[in-house]
Amino acid sequence: MIFADYQFYKEQYLLGKSPLIPENEFKFYANKASNEILNRIKFDFDGEPIEEMKQAMCELAEVQFSQSNSNSESVPLGVASEKVGEYTVTYKGNSNIEIERDYTLKVTSILKKWLGKTGYLYRGI
């Protein structure tokens, strides 16, 4: 079940901004994002998705699209620590574990933002 179509993405979610996801790739990422939401709500959902679900799906789809199109092999994820005396900088790695953890934190944040007050989220999120 895909919660929102490309027209919703462009007109309701982006409100006139340029789309990040090309139309020919949208269904793939919309399906992944919708399934991510379905995996985290507290009951079997088979009704019409509410506005907040559609918005969450669009934001998750953009995160998934960005993640799959980034060159994570060569870009450090940020500064993990820094020492001033005898200047030293340690960067976060781009290991699969760190990438997955960062993705999970983003998903949780997005779902709390859009669905936190709807009663749909499982309390353990």
PDB file of N, CA and C in Angstrom:
ATOM      1  N   MET A   1       0.847  -1.178   0.000  1.00  0.00           N
ATOM      2  CA  MET A   1       0.000   0.000   0.000  1.00  0.00           C
ATOM      3  C   MET A   1       0.891   1.240   0.000  1.00  0.00           C
ATOM      4  N   ILE A   2       0.716   2.079  -0.985  1.00  0.00           N
ATOM      5  CA  ILE A   2       1.433   3.350  -1.058  1.00  0.00           C
ATOM      6  C   ILE A   2       0.493   4.440  -0.563  1.00  0.00           C
ATOM      7  N   PHE A   3       0.933   5.187   0.450  1.00  0.00           N
ATOM      8  CA  PHE A   3       0.067   6.174   1.097  1.00  0.00           C
ATOM      9  C   PHE A   3      -0.223   7.411   0.256  1.00  0.00           C
ATOM     10  N   ALA A   4       0.722   7.835  -0.569  1.00  0.00           N
ATOM     11  CA  ALA A   4       0.535   9.076  -1.335  1.00  0.00           C
ATOM     12  C   ALA A   4       1.106   8.912  -2.738  1.00  0.00           C
ATOM     13  N   ASP A   5       0.499   9.581  -3.695  1.00  0.00           N
ATOM     14  CA  ASP A   5       0.984   9.525  -5.069  1.00  0.00           C
ATOM     15  C   ASP A   5       1.909  10.711  -5.361  1.00  0.00           C
ATOM     16  N   TYR A   6       2.444  10.725  -6.564  1.00  0.00           N
ATOM     17  CA  TYR A   6       3.402  11.766  -6.938  1.00  0.00           C
ATOM     18  C   TYR A   6       2.766  13.151  -6.932  1.00  0.00           C
ATOM     19  N   GLN A   7       1.514  13.219  -7.304  1.00  0.00           N
ATOM     20  CA  GLN A   7       0.817  14.510  -7.298  1.00  0.00           C
ATOM     21  C   GLN A   7       0.736  15.067  -5.875  1.00  0.00           C
ATOM     22  N   PHE A   8       0.404  14.218  -4.898  1.00  0.00           N
ATOM     23  CA  PHE A   8       0.382  14.651  -3.499  1.00  0.00           C
ATOM     24  C   PHE A   8       1.774  15.117  -3.081  1.00  0.00           C
ATOM     25  N   TYR A   9       2.779  14.341  -3.437  1.00  0.00           N
ATOM     26  CA  TYR A   9       4.165  14.677  -3.100  1.00  0.00           C
ATOM     27  C   TYR A   9       4.522  16.075  -3.596  1.00  0.00           C
ATOM     28  N   LYS A  10       4.217  16.357  -4.852  1.00  0.00           N
ATOM     29  CA  LYS A  10       4.567  17.657  -5.433  1.00  0.00           C
ATOM     30  C   LYS A  10       3.714  18.794  -4.889  1.00  0.00           C
ATOM     31  N   GLU A  11       2.406  18.567  -4.787  1.00  0.00           N
ATOM     32  CA  GLU A  11       1.502  19.672  -4.464  1.00  0.00           C
ATOM     33  C   GLU A  11       1.274  19.882  -2.968  1.00  0.00           C
ATOM     34  N   GLN A  12       1.150  18.814  -2.208  1.00  0.00           N
ATOM     35  CA  GLN A  12       0.824  18.936  -0.789  1.00  0.00           C
ATOM     36  C   GLN A  12       2.054  18.892   0.115  1.00  0.00           C
ATOM     37  N   TYR A  13       3.007  18.030  -0.213  1.00  0.00           N
ATOM     38  CA  TYR A  13       4.198  17.921   0.627  1.00  0.00           C
ATOM     39  C   TYR A  13       5.218  19.011   0.288  1.00  0.00           C
ATOM     40  N   LEU A  14       5.535  19.147  -0.976  1.00  0.00           N
ATOM     41  CA  LEU A  14       6.562  20.115  -1.381  1.00  0.00           C
ATOM     42  C   LEU A  14       6.038  21.538  -1.496  1.00  0.00           C
ATOM     43  N   LEU A  15       4.752  21.690  -1.702  1.00  0.00           N
ATOM     44  CA  LEU A  15       4.122  23.012  -1.809  1.00  0.00           C
ATOM     45  C   LEU A  15       4.842  23.918  -2.811  1.00  0.00           C
ATOM     46  N   GLY A  16       5.135  23.359  -3.967  1.00  0.00           N
ATOM     47  CA  GLY A  16       5.737  24.162  -5.022  1.00  0.00           C
ATOM     48  C   GLY A  16       7.246  24.081  -5.133  1.00  0.00           C
ATOM     49  N   LYS A  17       7.922  23.498  -4.142  1.00  0.00           N
ATOM     50  CA  LYS A  17       9.376  23.334  -4.244  1.00  0.00           C
ATOM     51  C   LYS A  17       9.694  22.282  -5.307  1.00  0.00           C
ATOM     52  N   SER A  18      10.909  22.284  -5.782  1.00  0.00           N
ATOM     53  CA  SER A  18      11.333  21.297  -6.781  1.00  0.00           C
ATOM     54  C   SER A  18      11.435  19.915  -6.146  1.00  0.00           C
ATOM     55  N   PRO A  19      10.911  18.894  -6.820  1.00  0.00           N
ATOM     56  CA  PRO A  19      10.971  17.540  -6.267  1.00  0.00           C
ATOM     57  C   PRO A  19      12.395  16.983  -6.235  1.00  0.00           C
ATOM     58  N   LEU A  20      12.715  16.310  -5.164  1.00  0.00           N
ATOM     59  CA  LEU A  20      13.997  15.629  -5.034  1.00  0.00           C
ATOM     60  C   LEU A  20      13.946  14.286  -5.772  1.00  0.00           C
ATOM     61  N   ILE A  21      12.805  13.613  -5.673  1.00  0.00           N
ATOM     62  CA  ILE A  21      12.642  12.287  -6.267  1.00  0.00           C
ATOM     63  C   ILE A  21      12.024  12.435  -7.654  1.00  0.00           C
ATOM     64  N   PRO A  22      12.675  11.894  -8.684  1.00  0.00           N
ATOM     65  CA  PRO A  22      12.078  11.941 -10.017  1.00  0.00           C
ATOM     66  C   PRO A  22      10.798  11.097 -10.066  1.00  0.00           C
ATOM     67  N   GLU A  23       9.875  11.511 -10.899  1.00  0.00           N
ATOM     68  CA  GLU A  23       8.584  10.821 -10.974  1.00  0.00           C
ATOM     69  C   GLU A  23       8.734   9.343 -11.310  1.00  0.00           C
ATOM     70  N   ASN A  24       9.677   8.997 -12.181  1.00  0.00           N
ATOM     71  CA  ASN A  24       9.832   7.597 -12.579  1.00  0.00           C
ATOM     72  C   ASN A  24      10.403   6.716 -11.465  1.00  0.00           C
ATOM     73  N   GLU A  25      10.928   7.299 -10.393  1.00  0.00           N
ATOM     74  CA  GLU A  25      11.454   6.524  -9.265  1.00  0.00           C
ATOM     75  C   GLU A  25      10.577   6.632  -8.023  1.00  0.00           C
ATOM     76  N   PHE A  26       9.569   7.466  -8.069  1.00  0.00           N
ATOM     77  CA  PHE A  26       8.788   7.775  -6.878  1.00  0.00           C
ATOM     78  C   PHE A  26       8.091   6.550  -6.284  1.00  0.00           C
ATOM     79  N   LYS A  27       7.459   5.725  -7.098  1.00  0.00           N
ATOM     80  CA  LYS A  27       6.707   4.579  -6.562  1.00  0.00           C
ATOM     81  C   LYS A  27       7.588   3.644  -5.744  1.00  0.00           C
ATOM     82  N   PHE A  28       8.809   3.433  -6.203  1.00  0.00           N
ATOM     83  CA  PHE A  28       9.723   2.556  -5.476  1.00  0.00           C
ATOM     84  C   PHE A  28       9.972   3.076  -4.064  1.00  0.00           C
ATOM     85  N   TYR A  29      10.327   4.345  -3.957  1.00  0.00           N
ATOM     86  CA  TYR A  29      10.636   4.921  -2.645  1.00  0.00           C
ATOM     87  C   TYR A  29       9.377   5.141  -1.809  1.00  0.00           C
ATOM     88  N   ALA A  30       8.268   5.453  -2.446  1.00  0.00           N
ATOM     89  CA  ALA A  30       7.002   5.606  -1.727  1.00  0.00           C
ATOM     90  C   ALA A  30       6.576   4.278  -1.114  1.00  0.00           C
ATOM     91  N   ASN A  31       6.782   3.195  -1.849  1.00  0.00           N
ATOM     92  CA  ASN A  31       6.441   1.870  -1.338  1.00  0.00           C
ATOM     93  C   ASN A  31       7.316   1.503  -0.144  1.00  0.00           C
ATOM     94  N   LYS A  32       8.631   1.749  -0.253  1.00  0.00           N
ATOM     95  CA  LYS A  32       9.541   1.473   0.867  1.00  0.00           C
ATOM     96  C   LYS A  32       9.159   2.292   2.100  1.00  0.00           C
ATOM     97  N   ALA A  33       8.864   3.566   1.888  1.00  0.00           N
ATOM     98  CA  ALA A  33       8.522   4.448   3.008  1.00  0.00           C
ATOM     99  C   ALA A  33       7.200   4.042   3.647  1.00  0.00           C
ATOM    100  N   SER A  34       6.219   3.695   2.832  1.00  0.00           N
ATOM    101  CA  SER A  34       4.921   3.265   3.365  1.00  0.00           C
ATOM    102  C   SER A  34       5.076   2.001   4.200  1.00  0.00           C
ATOM    103  N   ASN A  35       5.896   1.067   3.719  1.00  0.00           N
ATOM    104  CA  ASN A  35       6.131  -0.159   4.482  1.00  0.00           C
ATOM    105  C   ASN A  35       6.855   0.117   5.788  1.00  0.00           C
ATOM    106  N   GLU A  36       7.761   1.071   5.780  1.00  0.00           N
ATOM    107  CA  GLU A  36       8.455   1.464   7.013  1.00  0.00           C
ATOM    108  C   GLU A  36       7.441   1.969   8.041  1.00  0.00           C
ATOM    109  N   ILE A  37       6.484   2.750   7.596  1.00  0.00           N
ATOM    110  CA  ILE A  37       5.443   3.260   8.495  1.00  0.00           C
ATOM    111  C   ILE A  37       4.574   2.113   8.994  1.00  0.00           C
ATOM    112  N   LEU A  38       4.154   1.241   8.091  1.00  0.00           N
ATOM    113  CA  LEU A  38       3.303   0.113   8.486  1.00  0.00           C
ATOM    114  C   LEU A  38       3.996  -0.785   9.507  1.00  0.00           C
ATOM    115  N   ASN A  39       5.312  -0.898   9.417  1.00  0.00           N
ATOM    116  CA  ASN A  39       6.065  -1.713  10.376  1.00  0.00           C
ATOM    117  C   ASN A  39       6.128  -1.085  11.761  1.00  0.00           C
ATOM    118  N   ARG A  40       5.819   0.190  11.865  1.00  0.00           N
ATOM    119  CA  ARG A  40       5.970   0.889  13.142  1.00  0.00           C
ATOM    120  C   ARG A  40       4.666   1.366  13.760  1.00  0.00           C
ATOM    121  N   ILE A  41       3.553   1.154  13.108  1.00  0.00           N
ATOM    122  CA  ILE A  41       2.292   1.532  13.747  1.00  0.00           C
ATOM    123  C   ILE A  41       1.787   0.345  14.548  1.00  0.00           C
ATOM    124  N   LYS A  42       0.904   0.619  15.491  1.00  0.00           N
ATOM    125  CA  LYS A  42       0.596  -0.376  16.518  1.00  0.00           C
ATOM    126  C   LYS A  42      -0.532  -1.337  16.178  1.00  0.00           C
ATOM    127  N   PHE A  43      -1.055  -1.291  14.983  1.00  0.00           N
ATOM    128  CA  PHE A  43      -2.113  -2.221  14.610  1.00  0.00           C
ATOM    129  C   PHE A  43      -2.103  -2.399  13.102  1.00  0.00           C
ATOM    130  N   ASP A  44      -2.818  -3.418  12.640  1.00  0.00           N
ATOM    131  CA  ASP A  44      -2.930  -3.611  11.194  1.00  0.00           C
ATOM    132  C   ASP A  44      -3.757  -2.489  10.612  1.00  0.00           C
ATOM    133  N   PHE A  45      -3.183  -1.792   9.670  1.00  0.00           N
ATOM    134  CA  PHE A  45      -3.846  -0.644   9.072  1.00  0.00           C
ATOM    135  C   PHE A  45      -4.287  -1.016   7.672  1.00  0.00           C
ATOM    136  N   ASP A  46      -5.575  -0.904   7.411  1.00  0.00           N
ATOM    137  CA  ASP A  46      -6.058  -1.191   6.063  1.00  0.00           C
ATOM    138  C   ASP A  46      -7.034  -0.124   5.572  1.00  0.00           C
ATOM    139  N   GLY A  47      -7.097   0.987   6.272  1.00  0.00           N
ATOM    140  CA  GLY A  47      -7.999   2.065   5.893  1.00  0.00           C
ATOM    141  C   GLY A  47      -7.337   3.073   4.976  1.00  0.00           C
ATOM    142  N   GLU A  48      -7.984   4.193   4.826  1.00  0.00           N
ATOM    143  CA  GLU A  48      -7.451   5.302   4.031  1.00  0.00           C
ATOM    144  C   GLU A  48      -6.420   6.053   4.880  1.00  0.00           C
ATOM    145  N   PRO A  49      -5.211   6.264   4.355  1.00  0.00           N
ATOM    146  CA  PRO A  49      -4.195   6.957   5.150  1.00  0.00           C
ATOM    147  C   PRO A  49      -4.582   8.405   5.442  1.00  0.00           C
ATOM    148  N   ILE A  50      -4.270   8.839   6.644  1.00  0.00           N
ATOM    149  CA  ILE A  50      -4.548  10.224   7.023  1.00  0.00           C
ATOM    150  C   ILE A  50      -3.442  11.126   6.472  1.00  0.00           C
ATOM    151  N   GLU A  51      -3.683  12.421   6.492  1.00  0.00           N
ATOM    152  CA  GLU A  51      -2.742  13.413   5.960  1.00  0.00           C
ATOM    153  C   GLU A  51      -1.340  13.241   6.553  1.00  0.00           C
ATOM    154  N   GLU A  52      -1.264  13.031   7.864  1.00  0.00           N
ATOM    155  CA  GLU A  52       0.038  12.896   8.524  1.00  0.00           C
ATOM    156  C   GLU A  52       0.813  11.679   8.014  1.00  0.00           C
ATOM    157  N   MET A  53       0.118  10.594   7.710  1.00  0.00           N
ATOM    158  CA  MET A  53       0.787   9.408   7.160  1.00  0.00           C
ATOM    159  C   MET A  53       1.365   9.712   5.782  1.00  0.00           C
ATOM    160  N   LYS A  54       0.619  10.452   4.993  1.00  0.00           N
ATOM    161  CA  LYS A  54       1.089  10.812   3.654  1.00  0.00           C
ATOM    162  C   LYS A  54       2.315  11.717   3.739  1.00  0.00           C
ATOM    163  N   GLN A  55       2.277  12.684   4.650  1.00  0.00           N
ATOM    164  CA  GLN A  55       3.410  13.594   4.820  1.00  0.00           C
ATOM    165  C   GLN A  55       4.649  12.823   5.296  1.00  0.00           C
ATOM    166  N   ALA A  56       4.450  11.940   6.276  1.00  0.00           N
ATOM    167  CA  ALA A  56       5.561  11.127   6.788  1.00  0.00           C
ATOM    168  C   ALA A  56       6.144  10.257   5.684  1.00  0.00           C
ATOM    169  N   MET A  57       5.273   9.665   4.874  1.00  0.00           N
ATOM    170  CA  MET A  57       5.736   8.828   3.773  1.00  0.00           C
ATOM    171  C   MET A  57       6.600   9.620   2.800  1.00  0.00           C
ATOM    172  N   CYS A  58       6.178  10.827   2.475  1.00  0.00           N
ATOM    173  CA  CYS A  58       6.945  11.660   1.541  1.00  0.00           C
ATOM    174  C   CYS A  58       8.317  12.005   2.104  1.00  0.00           C
ATOM    175  N   GLU A  59       8.360  12.372   3.371  1.00  0.00           N
ATOM    176  CA  GLU A  59       9.653  12.722   3.970  1.00  0.00           C
ATOM    177  C   GLU A  59      10.567  11.503   4.056  1.00  0.00           C
ATOM    178  N   LEU A  60      10.006  10.353   4.444  1.00  0.00           N
ATOM    179  CA  LEU A  60      10.808   9.128   4.497  1.00  0.00           C
ATOM    180  C   LEU A  60      11.307   8.739   3.110  1.00  0.00           C
ATOM    181  N   ALA A  61      10.465   8.880   2.111  1.00  0.00           N
ATOM    182  CA  ALA A  61      10.871   8.546   0.743  1.00  0.00           C
ATOM    183  C   ALA A  61      12.053   9.409   0.312  1.00  0.00           C
ATOM    184  N   GLU A  62      12.033  10.690   0.672  1.00  0.00           N
ATOM    185  CA  GLU A  62      13.155  11.566   0.331  1.00  0.00           C
ATOM    186  C   GLU A  62      14.435  11.146   1.053  1.00  0.00           C
ATOM    187  N   VAL A  63      14.321  10.752   2.315  1.00  0.00           N
ATOM    188  CA  VAL A  63      15.495  10.289   3.065  1.00  0.00           C
ATOM    189  C   VAL A  63      16.059   9.031   2.409  1.00  0.00           C
ATOM    190  N   GLN A  64      15.179   8.097   2.055  1.00  0.00           N
ATOM    191  CA  GLN A  64      15.632   6.859   1.427  1.00  0.00           C
ATOM    192  C   GLN A  64      16.262   7.125   0.062  1.00  0.00           C
ATOM    193  N   PHE A  65      15.655   8.010  -0.707  1.00  0.00           N
ATOM    194  CA  PHE A  65      16.206   8.372  -2.014  1.00  0.00           C
ATOM    195  C   PHE A  65      17.590   9.001  -1.851  1.00  0.00           C
ATOM    196  N   SER A  66      17.708   9.941  -0.927  1.00  0.00           N
ATOM    197  CA  SER A  66      18.992  10.611  -0.689  1.00  0.00           C
ATOM    198  C   SER A  66      20.054   9.625  -0.237  1.00  0.00           C
ATOM    199  N   GLN A  67      19.666   8.726   0.655  1.00  0.00           N
ATOM    200  CA  GLN A  67      20.623   7.756   1.175  1.00  0.00           C
ATOM    201  C   GLN A  67      21.100   6.817   0.067  1.00  0.00           C
ATOM    202  N   SER A  68      20.203   6.387  -0.787  1.00  0.00           N
ATOM    203  CA  SER A  68      20.600   5.450  -1.834  1.00  0.00           C
ATOM    204  C   SER A  68      21.402   6.126  -2.940  1.00  0.00           C
ATOM    205  N   ASN A  69      21.303   7.441  -3.049  1.00  0.00           N
ATOM    206  CA  ASN A  69      22.024   8.161  -4.093  1.00  0.00           C
ATOM    207  C   ASN A  69      23.259   8.896  -3.589  1.00  0.00           C
ATOM    208  N   SER A  70      23.559   8.771  -2.302  1.00  0.00           N
ATOM    209  CA  SER A  70      24.756   9.434  -1.777  1.00  0.00           C
ATOM    210  C   SER A  70      25.960   8.523  -1.965  1.00  0.00           C
ATOM    211  N   ASN A  71      27.100   9.130  -2.066  1.00  0.00           N
ATOM    212  CA  ASN A  71      28.340   8.374  -2.186  1.00  0.00           C
ATOM    213  C   ASN A  71      28.906   8.193  -0.788  1.00  0.00           C
ATOM    214  N   SER A  72      28.326   7.273  -0.032  1.00  0.00           N
ATOM    215  CA  SER A  72      28.711   7.101   1.367  1.00  0.00           C
ATOM    216  C   SER A  72      30.084   6.458   1.525  1.00  0.00           C
ATOM    217  N   GLU A  73      30.655   5.970   0.444  1.00  0.00           N
ATOM    218  CA  GLU A  73      31.967   5.339   0.539  1.00  0.00           C
ATOM    219  C   GLU A  73      33.066   6.360   0.823  1.00  0.00           C
ATOM    220  N   SER A  74      32.904   7.594   0.343  1.00  0.00           N
ATOM    221  CA  SER A  74      34.012   8.537   0.422  1.00  0.00           C
ATOM    222  C   SER A  74      33.755   9.745   1.309  1.00  0.00           C
ATOM    223  N   VAL A  75      32.586   9.860   1.882  1.00  0.00           N
ATOM    224  CA  VAL A  75      32.255  11.054   2.651  1.00  0.00           C
ATOM    225  C   VAL A  75      32.146  10.707   4.126  1.00  0.00           C
ATOM    226  N   PRO A  76      32.976  11.315   4.993  1.00  0.00           N
ATOM    227  CA  PRO A  76      32.807  11.084   6.422  1.00  0.00           C
ATOM    228  C   PRO A  76      31.476  11.662   6.891  1.00  0.00           C
ATOM    229  N   LEU A  77      30.899  11.064   7.908  1.00  0.00           N
ATOM    230  CA  LEU A  77      29.576  11.464   8.367  1.00  0.00           C
ATOM    231  C   LEU A  77      29.592  12.637   9.325  1.00  0.00           C
ATOM    232  N   GLY A  78      30.738  13.105   9.724  1.00  0.00           N
ATOM    233  CA  GLY A  78      30.812  14.231  10.646  1.00  0.00           C
ATOM    234  C   GLY A  78      31.923  14.024  11.654  1.00  0.00           C
ATOM    235  N   VAL A  79      32.145  15.024  12.464  1.00  0.00           N
ATOM    236  CA  VAL A  79      33.204  14.961  13.465  1.00  0.00           C
ATOM    237  C   VAL A  79      32.706  14.173  14.670  1.00  0.00           C
ATOM    238  N   ALA A  80      33.461  13.153  15.056  1.00  0.00           N
ATOM    239  CA  ALA A  80      33.117  12.368  16.234  1.00  0.00           C
ATOM    240  C   ALA A  80      33.766  12.964  17.473  1.00  0.00           C
ATOM    241  N   SER A  81      35.015  13.444  17.332  1.00  0.00           N
ATOM    242  CA  SER A  81      35.700  14.096  18.447  1.00  0.00           C
ATOM    243  C   SER A  81      36.776  15.023  17.894  1.00  0.00           C
ATOM    244  N   GLU A  82      37.180  15.960  18.740  1.00  0.00           N
ATOM    245  CA  GLU A  82      38.203  16.926  18.334  1.00  0.00           C
ATOM    246  C   GLU A  82      39.029  17.291  19.559  1.00  0.00           C
ATOM    247  N   LYS A  83      40.326  17.384  19.394  1.00  0.00           N
ATOM    248  CA  LYS A  83      41.232  17.743  20.476  1.00  0.00           C
ATOM    249  C   LYS A  83      41.981  18.992  20.043  1.00  0.00           C
ATOM    250  N   VAL A  84      42.105  19.993  20.894  1.00  0.00           N
ATOM    251  CA  VAL A  84      42.728  21.258  20.503  1.00  0.00           C
ATOM    252  C   VAL A  84      44.242  21.219  20.663  1.00  0.00           C
ATOM    253  N   GLY A  85      44.758  20.813  21.819  1.00  0.00           N
ATOM    254  CA  GLY A  85      46.202  20.710  22.010  1.00  0.00           C
ATOM    255  C   GLY A  85      46.758  19.627  21.101  1.00  0.00           C
ATOM    256  N   GLU A  86      47.764  19.966  20.290  1.00  0.00           N
ATOM    257  CA  GLU A  86      48.263  19.048  19.265  1.00  0.00           C
ATOM    258  C   GLU A  86      47.095  18.578  18.398  1.00  0.00           C
ATOM    259  N   TYR A  87      46.456  19.484  17.793  1.00  0.00           N
ATOM    260  CA  TYR A  87      45.209  19.367  17.032  1.00  0.00           C
ATOM    261  C   TYR A  87      44.962  17.962  16.467  1.00  0.00           C
ATOM    262  N   THR A  88      43.863  17.357  16.849  1.00  0.00           N
ATOM    263  CA  THR A  88      43.450  16.046  16.370  1.00  0.00           C
ATOM    264  C   THR A  88      41.955  16.079  16.081  1.00  0.00           C
ATOM    265  N   VAL A  89      41.549  15.494  14.999  1.00  0.00           N
ATOM    266  CA  VAL A  89      40.128  15.373  14.665  1.00  0.00           C
ATOM    267  C   VAL A  89      39.848  13.923  14.331  1.00  0.00           C
ATOM    268  N   THR A  90      38.772  13.394  14.881  1.00  0.00           N
ATOM    269  CA  THR A  90      38.329  12.046  14.552  1.00  0.00           C
ATOM    270  C   THR A  90      36.953  12.157  13.913  1.00  0.00           C
ATOM    271  N   TYR A  91      36.811  11.551  12.761  1.00  0.00           N
ATOM    272  CA  TYR A  91      35.534  11.597  12.055  1.00  0.00           C
ATOM    273  C   TYR A  91      34.735  10.341  12.325  1.00  0.00           C
ATOM    274  N   LYS A  92      33.421  10.520  12.316  1.00  0.00           N
ATOM    275  CA  LYS A  92      32.555   9.352  12.369  1.00  0.00           C
ATOM    276  C   LYS A  92      32.836   8.541  11.122  1.00  0.00           C
ATOM    277  N   GLY A  93      32.813   7.265  11.283  1.00  0.00           N
ATOM    278  CA  GLY A  93      33.033   6.405  10.127  1.00  0.00           C
ATOM    279  C   GLY A  93      31.792   6.322   9.265  1.00  0.00           C
ATOM    280  N   ASN A  94      31.917   5.614   8.199  1.00  0.00           N
ATOM    281  CA  ASN A  94      30.753   5.381   7.370  1.00  0.00           C
ATOM    282  C   ASN A  94      30.490   3.886   7.273  1.00  0.00           C
ATOM    283  N   SER A  95      30.678   3.210   8.402  1.00  0.00           N
ATOM    284  CA  SER A  95      30.418   1.780   8.438  1.00  0.00           C
ATOM    285  C   SER A  95      28.920   1.537   8.296  1.00  0.00           C
ATOM    286  N   ASN A  96      28.588   0.350   7.882  1.00  0.00           N
ATOM    287  CA  ASN A  96      27.174   0.003   7.715  1.00  0.00           C
ATOM    288  C   ASN A  96      26.402   0.138   9.017  1.00  0.00           C
ATOM    289  N   ILE A  97      27.043  -0.162  10.126  1.00  0.00           N
ATOM    290  CA  ILE A  97      26.371  -0.056  11.424  1.00  0.00           C
ATOM    291  C   ILE A  97      26.025   1.393  11.721  1.00  0.00           C
ATOM    292  N   GLU A  98      26.969   2.302  11.497  1.00  0.00           N
ATOM    293  CA  GLU A  98      26.706   3.726  11.754  1.00  0.00           C
ATOM    294  C   GLU A  98      25.680   4.292  10.786  1.00  0.00           C
ATOM    295  N   ILE A  99      25.747   3.894   9.533  1.00  0.00           N
ATOM    296  CA  ILE A  99      24.773   4.354   8.544  1.00  0.00           C
ATOM    297  C   ILE A  99      23.380   3.875   8.924  1.00  0.00           C
ATOM    298  N   GLU A 100      23.266   2.612   9.319  1.00  0.00           N
ATOM    299  CA  GLU A 100      21.962   2.060   9.717  1.00  0.00           C
ATOM    300  C   GLU A 100      21.436   2.744  10.973  1.00  0.00           C
ATOM    301  N   ARG A 101      22.319   3.009  11.944  1.00  0.00           N
ATOM    302  CA  ARG A 101      21.899   3.690  13.166  1.00  0.00           C
ATOM    303  C   ARG A 101      21.397   5.098  12.861  1.00  0.00           C
ATOM    304  N   ASP A 102      22.135   5.834  12.036  1.00  0.00           N
ATOM    305  CA  ASP A 102      21.716   7.186  11.665  1.00  0.00           C
ATOM    306  C   ASP A 102      20.388   7.165  10.920  1.00  0.00           C
ATOM    307  N   TYR A 103      20.215   6.185  10.042  1.00  0.00           N
ATOM    308  CA  TYR A 103      18.952   6.051   9.305  1.00  0.00           C
ATOM    309  C   TYR A 103      17.798   5.773  10.273  1.00  0.00           C
ATOM    310  N   THR A 104      18.012   4.863  11.205  1.00  0.00           N
ATOM    311  CA  THR A 104      16.970   4.526  12.179  1.00  0.00           C
ATOM    312  C   THR A 104      16.588   5.740  13.012  1.00  0.00           C
ATOM    313  N   LEU A 105      17.569   6.539  13.414  1.00  0.00           N
ATOM    314  CA  LEU A 105      17.277   7.761  14.171  1.00  0.00           C
ATOM    315  C   LEU A 105      16.472   8.753  13.339  1.00  0.00           C
ATOM    316  N   LYS A 106      16.808   8.888  12.054  1.00  0.00           N
ATOM    317  CA  LYS A 106      16.049   9.779  11.171  1.00  0.00           C
ATOM    318  C   LYS A 106      14.608   9.307  11.027  1.00  0.00           C
ATOM    319  N   VAL A 107      14.430   8.010  10.806  1.00  0.00           N
ATOM    320  CA  VAL A 107      13.081   7.456  10.646  1.00  0.00           C
ATOM    321  C   VAL A 107      12.265   7.701  11.903  1.00  0.00           C
ATOM    322  N   THR A 108      12.842   7.413  13.048  1.00  0.00           N
ATOM    323  CA  THR A 108      12.143   7.616  14.317  1.00  0.00           C
ATOM    324  C   THR A 108      11.751   9.074  14.497  1.00  0.00           C
ATOM    325  N   SER A 109      12.655   9.973  14.192  1.00  0.00           N
ATOM    326  CA  SER A 109      12.375  11.402  14.314  1.00  0.00           C
ATOM    327  C   SER A 109      11.240  11.835  13.383  1.00  0.00           C
ATOM    328  N   ILE A 110      11.276  11.383  12.153  1.00  0.00           N
ATOM    329  CA  ILE A 110      10.234  11.730  11.180  1.00  0.00           C
ATOM    330  C   ILE A 110       8.882  11.194  11.622  1.00  0.00           C
ATOM    331  N   LEU A 111       8.852   9.945  12.060  1.00  0.00           N
ATOM    332  CA  LEU A 111       7.576   9.351  12.464  1.00  0.00           C
ATOM    333  C   LEU A 111       7.015  10.018  13.712  1.00  0.00           C
ATOM    334  N   LYS A 112       7.881  10.370  14.650  1.00  0.00           N
ATOM    335  CA  LYS A 112       7.402  11.086  15.836  1.00  0.00           C
ATOM    336  C   LYS A 112       6.852  12.450  15.454  1.00  0.00           C
ATOM    337  N   LYS A 113       7.535  13.129  14.528  1.00  0.00           N
ATOM    338  CA  LYS A 113       7.098  14.461  14.105  1.00  0.00           C
ATOM    339  C   LYS A 113       5.707  14.408  13.468  1.00  0.00           C
ATOM    340  N   TRP A 114       5.491  13.480  12.550  1.00  0.00           N
ATOM    341  CA  TRP A 114       4.231  13.451  11.812  1.00  0.00           C
ATOM    342  C   TRP A 114       3.137  12.643  12.507  1.00  0.00           C
ATOM    343  N   LEU A 115       3.492  11.560  13.184  1.00  0.00           N
ATOM    344  CA  LEU A 115       2.476  10.656  13.725  1.00  0.00           C
ATOM    345  C   LEU A 115       2.417  10.638  15.245  1.00  0.00           C
ATOM    346  N   GLY A 116       3.267  11.405  15.900  1.00  0.00           N
ATOM    347  CA  GLY A 116       3.362  11.374  17.356  1.00  0.00           C
ATOM    348  C   GLY A 116       2.071  11.668  18.090  1.00  0.00           C
ATOM    349  N   LYS A 117       1.244  12.535  17.546  1.00  0.00           N
ATOM    350  CA  LYS A 117       0.006  12.919  18.236  1.00  0.00           C
ATOM    351  C   LYS A 117      -1.242  12.275  17.637  1.00  0.00           C
ATOM    352  N   THR A 118      -1.046  11.311  16.747  1.00  0.00           N
ATOM    353  CA  THR A 118      -2.197  10.701  16.076  1.00  0.00           C
ATOM    354  C   THR A 118      -2.723   9.461  16.784  1.00  0.00           C
ATOM    355  N   GLY A 119      -1.907   8.856  17.648  1.00  0.00           N
ATOM    356  CA  GLY A 119      -2.307   7.616  18.293  1.00  0.00           C
ATOM    357  C   GLY A 119      -1.960   6.381  17.473  1.00  0.00           C
ATOM    358  N   TYR A 120      -1.351   6.569  16.310  1.00  0.00           N
ATOM    359  CA  TYR A 120      -1.009   5.437  15.454  1.00  0.00           C
ATOM    360  C   TYR A 120       0.304   4.766  15.823  1.00  0.00           C
ATOM    361  N   LEU A 121       1.226   5.501  16.410  1.00  0.00           N
ATOM    362  CA  LEU A 121       2.541   4.933  16.672  1.00  0.00           C
ATOM    363  C   LEU A 121       2.520   3.951  17.830  1.00  0.00           C
ATOM    364  N   TYR A 122       3.295   2.899  17.667  1.00  0.00           N
ATOM    365  CA  TYR A 122       3.548   1.964  18.746  1.00  0.00           C
ATOM    366  C   TYR A 122       4.384   2.691  19.787  1.00  0.00           C
ATOM    367  N   ARG A 123       4.045   2.582  21.045  1.00  0.00           N
ATOM    368  CA  ARG A 123       4.715   3.350  22.103  1.00  0.00           C
ATOM    369  C   ARG A 123       6.202   3.030  22.230  1.00  0.00           C
ATOM    370  N   GLY A 124       6.631   1.885  21.743  1.00  0.00           N
ATOM    371  CA  GLY A 124       8.030   1.498  21.865  1.00  0.00           C
ATOM    372  C   GLY A 124       8.947   2.132  20.838  1.00  0.00           C
ATOM    373  N   ILE A 125       8.420   3.003  19.987  1.00  0.00           N
ATOM    374  CA  ILE A 125       9.244   3.588  18.925  1.00  0.00           C
ATOM    375  C   ILE A 125      10.331   4.485  19.473  1.00  0.00           C
TER     376      ILE A 125
END
